[in-house]
Each structure stands twice: as structure tokens, then as C-alpha cells.
């Protein structure tokens, strides 16, 4: 597995404009963006006791979380992901999942997962059955993304974060979503072995410090 470094900063609208200008000059826009942005919908899993939420709030360094997501309202490409944090490093495992399979999970039908032939689905099934993991909330947001080949750098700005509250109509692009209050935009910088100075300089903003902001945790504050 390939661990990656990650920085997170809370930024405002003015910061976004500055960063967009700087990054456009030195990095390439993400190839999947449409008119410079794309839309992400994620369905996060947690236990009945909110283990993932509590671990995030308490700053536990080694933690995992499962989510399912799709982009730009396209239900033909849906991904199951397991995001793992090990201190300041992180890595992600993923596999494709069909819309019908997602609906089966939402309906409480898990038996098919054991024979899916996808190890990540097998692990999710095991955690559902033995740890009480279950779909918890929907999170929507808009993303601008830039890539820079040296260092395998990816810079993203996420904003317009919305929560589905208690609704789990994940596959319905038009299900009701509510903007979270006092939301910042989130700058994330991810890289492999080194962060080139040209990117380090481009994302440097006076007065901005790293943050542990979690879109999932922010949306769960409405519960």
C-alpha cells in the first residue's frame, strides 16, 4: 500500500480566488472536472456508537472509515472506498460497486457481499456483521482539483458542503440536502515522497494553519 502525505487548511472565498490563480499557472486542472469543478456525493458508514465520528473528534491517529461515492450525478461509476489514517500519513483502498449493489446495502441485504470476489466488499460485509457498521449520512460538496506530476501532487478545494441529515436516499441526485452552517472551504494538498517547492509556495497563505476539519464530522453535528 502507498502512503501519502496530506495537509488540510480551512480557507475562505478570497483564498480560493488567490489559490485558483496561482495553481492555474503552475499545475494542471483535474481531467475529470467540468468547467473547472465537479460534484461529489458520499455516503459514510459508522457504527451504532459512532466510532468513526468519535475517533475523528478525539484525534485518534490510527483510524479507518468506509464510504461510497459518485461524481457529477453519474450512477454508472460508483466507488466503495476505505480511507485509512496512520498519523500524518494516509492511504486509500477502493473498488467499483454497482448502483443495484448499493441499493441492496441500503436495504439491509448483505449476503451477496460475501461472494462478490472483491476483498474490500468482503471487509465491509464483515464489519457490518460484526461491528455494526451501517450507512450513516450523505455528504455533498463541490470540488476544484489540480494535479502536478513531480511528487504525484494533488491539490483540491472543497466547498458548498451539504448534509443529508437522516436521509439515506443516496442514489437519488435530487434528494433534499441542507448546507452546513458556518462552513469553510477546505484546501487539501496530497503528495507522495516530496512536495515540490513550486506547489508549496503556491498554496502558502498567510495566517492559515493546518486543520483536522472533517466534512463527515461537520455534517454529523446536525444530528
C-alpha atoms as a PDB file:
ATOM      1  CA  UNK A   1       0.000   0.000   0.000  1.00  0.00           C
ATOM      2  CA  UNK A   2       1.229   3.514  -0.839  1.00  0.00           C
ATOM      3  CA  UNK A   3       1.010   6.030   1.983  1.00  0.00           C
ATOM      4  CA  UNK A   4       0.596   9.701   1.099  1.00  0.00           C
ATOM      5  CA  UNK A   5       1.216  12.904   2.998  1.00  0.00           C
ATOM      6  CA  UNK A   6      -1.691  15.278   3.483  1.00  0.00           C
ATOM      7  CA  UNK A   7      -2.183  18.908   4.502  1.00  0.00           C
ATOM      8  CA  UNK A   8      -5.574  20.431   5.228  1.00  0.00           C
ATOM      9  CA  UNK A   9      -6.340  24.124   5.649  1.00  0.00           C
ATOM     10  CA  UNK A  10      -9.581  25.998   6.239  1.00  0.00           C
ATOM     11  CA  UNK A  11      -9.832  28.824   3.715  1.00  0.00           C
ATOM     12  CA  UNK A  12     -12.330  31.490   2.703  1.00  0.00           C
ATOM     13  CA  UNK A  13     -13.689  32.714  -0.622  1.00  0.00           C
ATOM     14  CA  UNK A  14     -10.879  35.236  -1.124  1.00  0.00           C
ATOM     15  CA  UNK A  15      -8.310  32.495  -0.524  1.00  0.00           C
ATOM     16  CA  UNK A  16      -9.984  30.360  -3.161  1.00  0.00           C
ATOM     17  CA  UNK A  17      -9.656  33.107  -5.757  1.00  0.00           C
ATOM     18  CA  UNK A  18      -5.971  33.589  -4.944  1.00  0.00           C
ATOM     19  CA  UNK A  19      -5.246  29.856  -4.998  1.00  0.00           C
ATOM     20  CA  UNK A  20      -7.130  29.355  -8.244  1.00  0.00           C
ATOM     21  CA  UNK A  21      -4.985  31.999  -9.931  1.00  0.00           C
ATOM     22  CA  UNK A  22      -1.718  30.599  -8.548  1.00  0.00           C
ATOM     23  CA  UNK A  23      -2.485  26.940  -9.214  1.00  0.00           C
ATOM     24  CA  UNK A  24      -3.721  27.583 -12.744  1.00  0.00           C
ATOM     25  CA  UNK A  25      -0.288  28.982 -13.525  1.00  0.00           C
ATOM     26  CA  UNK A  26       1.753  26.013 -12.286  1.00  0.00           C
ATOM     27  CA  UNK A  27      -0.488  22.911 -12.246  1.00  0.00           C
ATOM     28  CA  UNK A  28      -2.994  21.190 -14.495  1.00  0.00           C
ATOM     29  CA  UNK A  29      -6.736  21.049 -13.784  1.00  0.00           C
ATOM     30  CA  UNK A  30      -8.108  17.630 -12.943  1.00  0.00           C
ATOM     31  CA  UNK A  31      -9.095  15.890 -16.169  1.00  0.00           C
ATOM     32  CA  UNK A  32     -12.459  14.852 -14.698  1.00  0.00           C
ATOM     33  CA  UNK A  33     -13.593  18.403 -13.952  1.00  0.00           C
ATOM     34  CA  UNK A  34     -16.400  20.019 -15.932  1.00  0.00           C
ATOM     35  CA  UNK A  35     -15.926  23.770 -16.333  1.00  0.00           C
ATOM     36  CA  UNK A  36     -13.249  23.613 -13.661  1.00  0.00           C
ATOM     37  CA  UNK A  37     -15.241  21.792 -10.986  1.00  0.00           C
ATOM     38  CA  UNK A  38     -17.017  18.554 -10.233  1.00  0.00           C
ATOM     39  CA  UNK A  39     -19.595  17.442  -7.722  1.00  0.00           C
ATOM     40  CA  UNK A  40     -19.083  14.678  -5.197  1.00  0.00           C
ATOM     41  CA  UNK A  41     -21.694  12.762  -3.233  1.00  0.00           C
ATOM     42  CA  UNK A  42     -20.508  10.422  -0.488  1.00  0.00           C
ATOM     43  CA  UNK A  43     -22.339   8.010   1.787  1.00  0.00           C
ATOM     44  CA  UNK A  44     -20.418   7.496   5.023  1.00  0.00           C
ATOM     45  CA  UNK A  45     -20.606   4.438   7.262  1.00  0.00           C
ATOM     46  CA  UNK A  46     -20.286   4.360  11.031  1.00  0.00           C
ATOM     47  CA  UNK A  47     -21.130   2.045  13.929  1.00  0.00           C
ATOM     48  CA  UNK A  48     -24.215   2.312  16.130  1.00  0.00           C
ATOM     49  CA  UNK A  49     -21.971   4.021  18.719  1.00  0.00           C
ATOM     50  CA  UNK A  50     -20.473   6.436  16.144  1.00  0.00           C
ATOM     51  CA  UNK A  51     -16.971   5.034  16.485  1.00  0.00           C
ATOM     52  CA  UNK A  52     -15.603   6.751  13.364  1.00  0.00           C
ATOM     53  CA  UNK A  53     -17.040  10.090  14.439  1.00  0.00           C
ATOM     54  CA  UNK A  54     -15.679   9.821  17.979  1.00  0.00           C
ATOM     55  CA  UNK A  55     -12.222   8.755  16.760  1.00  0.00           C
ATOM     56  CA  UNK A  56     -12.089  11.807  14.493  1.00  0.00           C
ATOM     57  CA  UNK A  57     -13.238  14.231  17.190  1.00  0.00           C
ATOM     58  CA  UNK A  58     -10.823  12.739  19.734  1.00  0.00           C
ATOM     59  CA  UNK A  59      -7.890  12.927  17.339  1.00  0.00           C
ATOM     60  CA  UNK A  60      -7.139   9.194  17.224  1.00  0.00           C
ATOM     61  CA  UNK A  61      -4.148   8.874  14.906  1.00  0.00           C
ATOM     62  CA  UNK A  62      -4.838   5.389  13.512  1.00  0.00           C
ATOM     63  CA  UNK A  63      -8.361   5.120  12.157  1.00  0.00           C
ATOM     64  CA  UNK A  64     -10.338   3.843   9.157  1.00  0.00           C
ATOM     65  CA  UNK A  65     -13.596   4.906   7.554  1.00  0.00           C
ATOM     66  CA  UNK A  66     -15.732   3.485   4.770  1.00  0.00           C
ATOM     67  CA  UNK A  67     -17.676   5.492   2.219  1.00  0.00           C
ATOM     68  CA  UNK A  68     -19.368   5.073  -1.148  1.00  0.00           C
ATOM     69  CA  UNK A  69     -19.234   7.931  -3.627  1.00  0.00           C
ATOM     70  CA  UNK A  70     -20.076   9.022  -7.138  1.00  0.00           C
ATOM     71  CA  UNK A  71     -19.355  12.104  -9.209  1.00  0.00           C
ATOM     72  CA  UNK A  72     -21.376  14.601 -11.232  1.00  0.00           C
ATOM     73  CA  UNK A  73     -24.606  12.657 -10.614  1.00  0.00           C
ATOM     74  CA  UNK A  74     -23.265   9.783 -12.726  1.00  0.00           C
ATOM     75  CA  UNK A  75     -24.575   6.483 -11.324  1.00  0.00           C
ATOM     76  CA  UNK A  76     -22.642   4.403 -13.863  1.00  0.00           C
ATOM     77  CA  UNK A  77     -19.402   4.889 -11.911  1.00  0.00           C
ATOM     78  CA  UNK A  78     -19.723   4.355  -8.156  1.00  0.00           C
ATOM     79  CA  UNK A  79     -16.782   3.590  -5.877  1.00  0.00           C
ATOM     80  CA  UNK A  80     -16.529   1.959  -2.462  1.00  0.00           C
ATOM     81  CA  UNK A  81     -13.565   3.386  -0.548  1.00  0.00           C
ATOM     82  CA  UNK A  82     -11.772   2.649   2.693  1.00  0.00           C
ATOM     83  CA  UNK A  83      -9.740   5.637   3.822  1.00  0.00           C
ATOM     84  CA  UNK A  84      -7.038   4.898   6.393  1.00  0.00           C
ATOM     85  CA  UNK A  85      -5.104   7.372   8.531  1.00  0.00           C
ATOM     86  CA  UNK A  86      -1.844   6.435  10.222  1.00  0.00           C
ATOM     87  CA  UNK A  87      -0.630   9.567  11.960  1.00  0.00           C
ATOM     88  CA  UNK A  88       0.138  12.219   9.338  1.00  0.00           C
ATOM     89  CA  UNK A  89       0.051   9.663   6.534  1.00  0.00           C
ATOM     90  CA  UNK A  90      -2.885   8.152   4.730  1.00  0.00           C
ATOM     91  CA  UNK A  91      -3.820   5.671   2.058  1.00  0.00           C
ATOM     92  CA  UNK A  92      -6.989   4.597   0.310  1.00  0.00           C
ATOM     93  CA  UNK A  93      -8.339   1.291  -0.964  1.00  0.00           C
ATOM     94  CA  UNK A  94     -11.190   1.226  -3.460  1.00  0.00           C
ATOM     95  CA  UNK A  95     -13.311  -0.951  -5.720  1.00  0.00           C
ATOM     96  CA  UNK A  96     -16.184  -0.382  -8.096  1.00  0.00           C
ATOM     97  CA  UNK A  97     -19.721  -1.111  -6.966  1.00  0.00           C
ATOM     98  CA  UNK A  98     -22.966  -1.149  -8.944  1.00  0.00           C
ATOM     99  CA  UNK A  99     -25.985   1.010  -8.169  1.00  0.00           C
ATOM    100  CA  UNK A 100     -28.071  -2.125  -7.564  1.00  0.00           C
ATOM    101  CA  UNK A 101     -25.498  -3.320  -5.040  1.00  0.00           C
ATOM    102  CA  UNK A 102     -25.574  -0.007  -3.224  1.00  0.00           C
ATOM    103  CA  UNK A 103     -29.354  -0.224  -3.044  1.00  0.00           C
ATOM    104  CA  UNK A 104     -29.060  -3.735  -1.609  1.00  0.00           C
ATOM    105  CA  UNK A 105     -26.759  -2.437   1.154  1.00  0.00           C
ATOM    106  CA  UNK A 106     -29.171   0.401   1.912  1.00  0.00           C
ATOM    107  CA  UNK A 107     -31.954  -2.170   2.127  1.00  0.00           C
ATOM    108  CA  UNK A 108     -30.046  -4.321   4.615  1.00  0.00           C
ATOM    109  CA  UNK A 109     -29.225  -7.122   2.167  1.00  0.00           C
ATOM    110  CA  UNK A 110     -25.604  -8.159   2.766  1.00  0.00           C
ATOM    111  CA  UNK A 111     -25.376 -11.891   1.967  1.00  0.00           C
ATOM    112  CA  UNK A 112     -24.283 -11.333  -1.643  1.00  0.00           C
ATOM    113  CA  UNK A 113     -21.237  -9.358  -0.482  1.00  0.00           C
ATOM    114  CA  UNK A 114     -19.529 -12.484   0.858  1.00  0.00           C
ATOM    115  CA  UNK A 115     -19.209 -13.918  -2.648  1.00  0.00           C
ATOM    116  CA  UNK A 116     -18.545 -10.678  -4.526  1.00  0.00           C
ATOM    117  CA  UNK A 117     -14.910 -11.517  -5.291  1.00  0.00           C
ATOM    118  CA  UNK A 118     -13.925  -8.023  -4.135  1.00  0.00           C
ATOM    119  CA  UNK A 119     -11.870  -8.074  -0.907  1.00  0.00           C
ATOM    120  CA  UNK A 120     -12.958  -4.582   0.107  1.00  0.00           C
ATOM    121  CA  UNK A 121     -16.626  -5.532  -0.143  1.00  0.00           C
ATOM    122  CA  UNK A 122     -15.875  -8.658   1.897  1.00  0.00           C
ATOM    123  CA  UNK A 123     -14.267  -6.498   4.582  1.00  0.00           C
ATOM    124  CA  UNK A 124     -17.205  -4.091   4.619  1.00  0.00           C
ATOM    125  CA  UNK A 125     -19.585  -7.033   4.994  1.00  0.00           C
ATOM    126  CA  UNK A 126     -17.530  -8.369   7.897  1.00  0.00           C
ATOM    127  CA  UNK A 127     -17.616  -5.004   9.653  1.00  0.00           C
ATOM    128  CA  UNK A 128     -21.333  -4.634   9.063  1.00  0.00           C
ATOM    129  CA  UNK A 129     -21.991  -8.053  10.588  1.00  0.00           C
ATOM    130  CA  UNK A 130     -19.518  -7.922  13.490  1.00  0.00           C
ATOM    131  CA  UNK A 131     -19.054  -4.227  14.302  1.00  0.00           C
ATOM    132  CA  UNK A 132     -22.493  -2.879  13.490  1.00  0.00           C
ATOM    133  CA  UNK A 133     -21.213  -0.644  10.700  1.00  0.00           C
ATOM    134  CA  UNK A 134     -24.069   0.914   8.735  1.00  0.00           C
ATOM    135  CA  UNK A 135     -24.799   3.791   6.323  1.00  0.00           C
ATOM    136  CA  UNK A 136     -24.972   6.960   8.403  1.00  0.00           C
ATOM    137  CA  UNK A 137     -25.202  10.157   6.366  1.00  0.00           C
ATOM    138  CA  UNK A 138     -24.864  11.679   2.898  1.00  0.00           C
ATOM    139  CA  UNK A 139     -22.340  14.451   2.243  1.00  0.00           C
ATOM    140  CA  UNK A 140     -22.337  16.602  -0.911  1.00  0.00           C
ATOM    141  CA  UNK A 141     -19.793  19.192  -1.984  1.00  0.00           C
ATOM    142  CA  UNK A 142     -18.185  20.937  -4.935  1.00  0.00           C
ATOM    143  CA  UNK A 143     -14.504  20.344  -5.693  1.00  0.00           C
ATOM    144  CA  UNK A 144     -11.833  22.141  -7.702  1.00  0.00           C
ATOM    145  CA  UNK A 145      -8.774  19.977  -8.254  1.00  0.00           C
ATOM    146  CA  UNK A 146      -5.274  20.447  -9.672  1.00  0.00           C
ATOM    147  CA  UNK A 147      -2.503  17.940 -10.299  1.00  0.00           C
ATOM    148  CA  UNK A 148       1.261  18.282 -10.545  1.00  0.00           C
ATOM    149  CA  UNK A 149       3.247  15.276 -11.763  1.00  0.00           C
ATOM    150  CA  UNK A 150       6.502  15.644  -9.763  1.00  0.00           C
ATOM    151  CA  UNK A 151       5.742  14.229  -6.328  1.00  0.00           C
ATOM    152  CA  UNK A 152       2.351  12.999  -7.584  1.00  0.00           C
ATOM    153  CA  UNK A 153       0.766  16.097  -6.054  1.00  0.00           C
ATOM    154  CA  UNK A 154      -2.960  16.685  -5.925  1.00  0.00           C
ATOM    155  CA  UNK A 155      -4.440  19.946  -4.645  1.00  0.00           C
ATOM    156  CA  UNK A 156      -8.178  20.263  -4.054  1.00  0.00           C
ATOM    157  CA  UNK A 157     -10.530  22.970  -2.810  1.00  0.00           C
ATOM    158  CA  UNK A 158     -13.863  21.728  -1.472  1.00  0.00           C
ATOM    159  CA  UNK A 159     -16.819  23.987  -0.714  1.00  0.00           C
ATOM    160  CA  UNK A 160     -20.635  24.217  -0.716  1.00  0.00           C
ATOM    161  CA  UNK A 161     -20.764  21.326   1.743  1.00  0.00           C
ATOM    162  CA  UNK A 162     -24.233  19.912   2.336  1.00  0.00           C
ATOM    163  CA  UNK A 163     -25.655  17.197   4.552  1.00  0.00           C
ATOM    164  CA  UNK A 164     -28.495  14.768   4.006  1.00  0.00           C
ATOM    165  CA  UNK A 165     -29.267  14.764   7.746  1.00  0.00           C
ATOM    166  CA  UNK A 166     -31.029  11.464   8.467  1.00  0.00           C
ATOM    167  CA  UNK A 167     -31.981  10.781   4.846  1.00  0.00           C
ATOM    168  CA  UNK A 168     -30.195   7.949   3.045  1.00  0.00           C
ATOM    169  CA  UNK A 169     -31.668   8.337  -0.452  1.00  0.00           C
ATOM    170  CA  UNK A 170     -28.108   8.227  -1.749  1.00  0.00           C
ATOM    171  CA  UNK A 171     -28.865   7.224  -5.336  1.00  0.00           C
ATOM    172  CA  UNK A 172     -31.426   9.996  -5.841  1.00  0.00           C
ATOM    173  CA  UNK A 173     -29.489  13.037  -7.135  1.00  0.00           C
ATOM    174  CA  UNK A 174     -32.405  15.268  -6.140  1.00  0.00           C
ATOM    175  CA  UNK A 175     -32.826  14.141  -2.540  1.00  0.00           C
ATOM    176  CA  UNK A 176     -33.077  17.068  -0.064  1.00  0.00           C
ATOM    177  CA  UNK A 177     -29.695  18.384   1.119  1.00  0.00           C
ATOM    178  CA  UNK A 178     -29.023  21.167   3.619  1.00  0.00           C
ATOM    179  CA  UNK A 179     -25.908  23.428   3.676  1.00  0.00           C
ATOM    180  CA  UNK A 180     -23.929  23.125   6.890  1.00  0.00           C
ATOM    181  CA  UNK A 181     -23.677  26.310   8.956  1.00  0.00           C
ATOM    182  CA  UNK A 182     -20.559  28.496   9.099  1.00  0.00           C
ATOM    183  CA  UNK A 183     -18.828  26.214   6.664  1.00  0.00           C
ATOM    184  CA  UNK A 184     -15.327  26.978   5.475  1.00  0.00           C
ATOM    185  CA  UNK A 185     -13.833  25.879   2.218  1.00  0.00           C
ATOM    186  CA  UNK A 186     -11.200  23.168   2.663  1.00  0.00           C
ATOM    187  CA  UNK A 187      -7.852  23.164   0.921  1.00  0.00           C
ATOM    188  CA  UNK A 188      -6.209  19.729   0.766  1.00  0.00           C
ATOM    189  CA  UNK A 189      -2.716  19.047  -0.520  1.00  0.00           C
ATOM    190  CA  UNK A 190      -1.633  15.423  -1.001  1.00  0.00           C
ATOM    191  CA  UNK A 191       1.721  14.106  -2.202  1.00  0.00           C
ATOM    192  CA  UNK A 192       3.943  11.021  -2.150  1.00  0.00           C
ATOM    193  CA  UNK A 193       7.606  11.331  -1.146  1.00  0.00           C
ATOM    194  CA  UNK A 194       8.168  15.062  -1.587  1.00  0.00           C
ATOM    195  CA  UNK A 195       6.219  18.287  -2.061  1.00  0.00           C
ATOM    196  CA  UNK A 196       7.814  20.462  -4.782  1.00  0.00           C
ATOM    197  CA  UNK A 197       8.631  23.989  -3.649  1.00  0.00           C
ATOM    198  CA  UNK A 198       6.634  25.488  -6.530  1.00  0.00           C
ATOM    199  CA  UNK A 199       3.462  23.899  -5.115  1.00  0.00           C
ATOM    200  CA  UNK A 200       4.428  24.639  -1.510  1.00  0.00           C
ATOM    201  CA  UNK A 201       4.754  28.311  -2.434  1.00  0.00           C
ATOM    202  CA  UNK A 202       1.535  28.344  -4.461  1.00  0.00           C
ATOM    203  CA  UNK A 203      -0.597  27.037  -1.578  1.00  0.00           C
ATOM    204  CA  UNK A 204       1.028  29.145   1.148  1.00  0.00           C
ATOM    205  CA  UNK A 205      -1.437  31.599   2.674  1.00  0.00           C
ATOM    206  CA  UNK A 206      -0.596  33.957   5.496  1.00  0.00           C
ATOM    207  CA  UNK A 207      -2.430  33.164   8.707  1.00  0.00           C
ATOM    208  CA  UNK A 208      -3.707  29.781   7.552  1.00  0.00           C
ATOM    209  CA  UNK A 209      -2.794  26.750   9.636  1.00  0.00           C
ATOM    210  CA  UNK A 210      -3.335  23.048   9.180  1.00  0.00           C
ATOM    211  CA  UNK A 211      -6.677  21.748  10.388  1.00  0.00           C
ATOM    212  CA  UNK A 212      -8.300  18.429  11.175  1.00  0.00           C
ATOM    213  CA  UNK A 213     -11.603  19.500   9.582  1.00  0.00           C
ATOM    214  CA  UNK A 214     -13.782  16.571   8.548  1.00  0.00           C
ATOM    215  CA  UNK A 215     -16.709  17.003   6.178  1.00  0.00           C
ATOM    216  CA  UNK A 216     -18.302  13.891   7.665  1.00  0.00           C
ATOM    217  CA  UNK A 217     -17.936  15.173  11.240  1.00  0.00           C
ATOM    218  CA  UNK A 218     -19.230  18.617  10.263  1.00  0.00           C
ATOM    219  CA  UNK A 219     -22.333  17.096   8.716  1.00  0.00           C
ATOM    220  CA  UNK A 220     -22.907  14.849  11.732  1.00  0.00           C
ATOM    221  CA  UNK A 221     -23.032  17.884  14.022  1.00  0.00           C
ATOM    222  CA  UNK A 222     -26.605  18.333  12.814  1.00  0.00           C
ATOM    223  CA  UNK A 223     -27.708  15.062  14.428  1.00  0.00           C
END
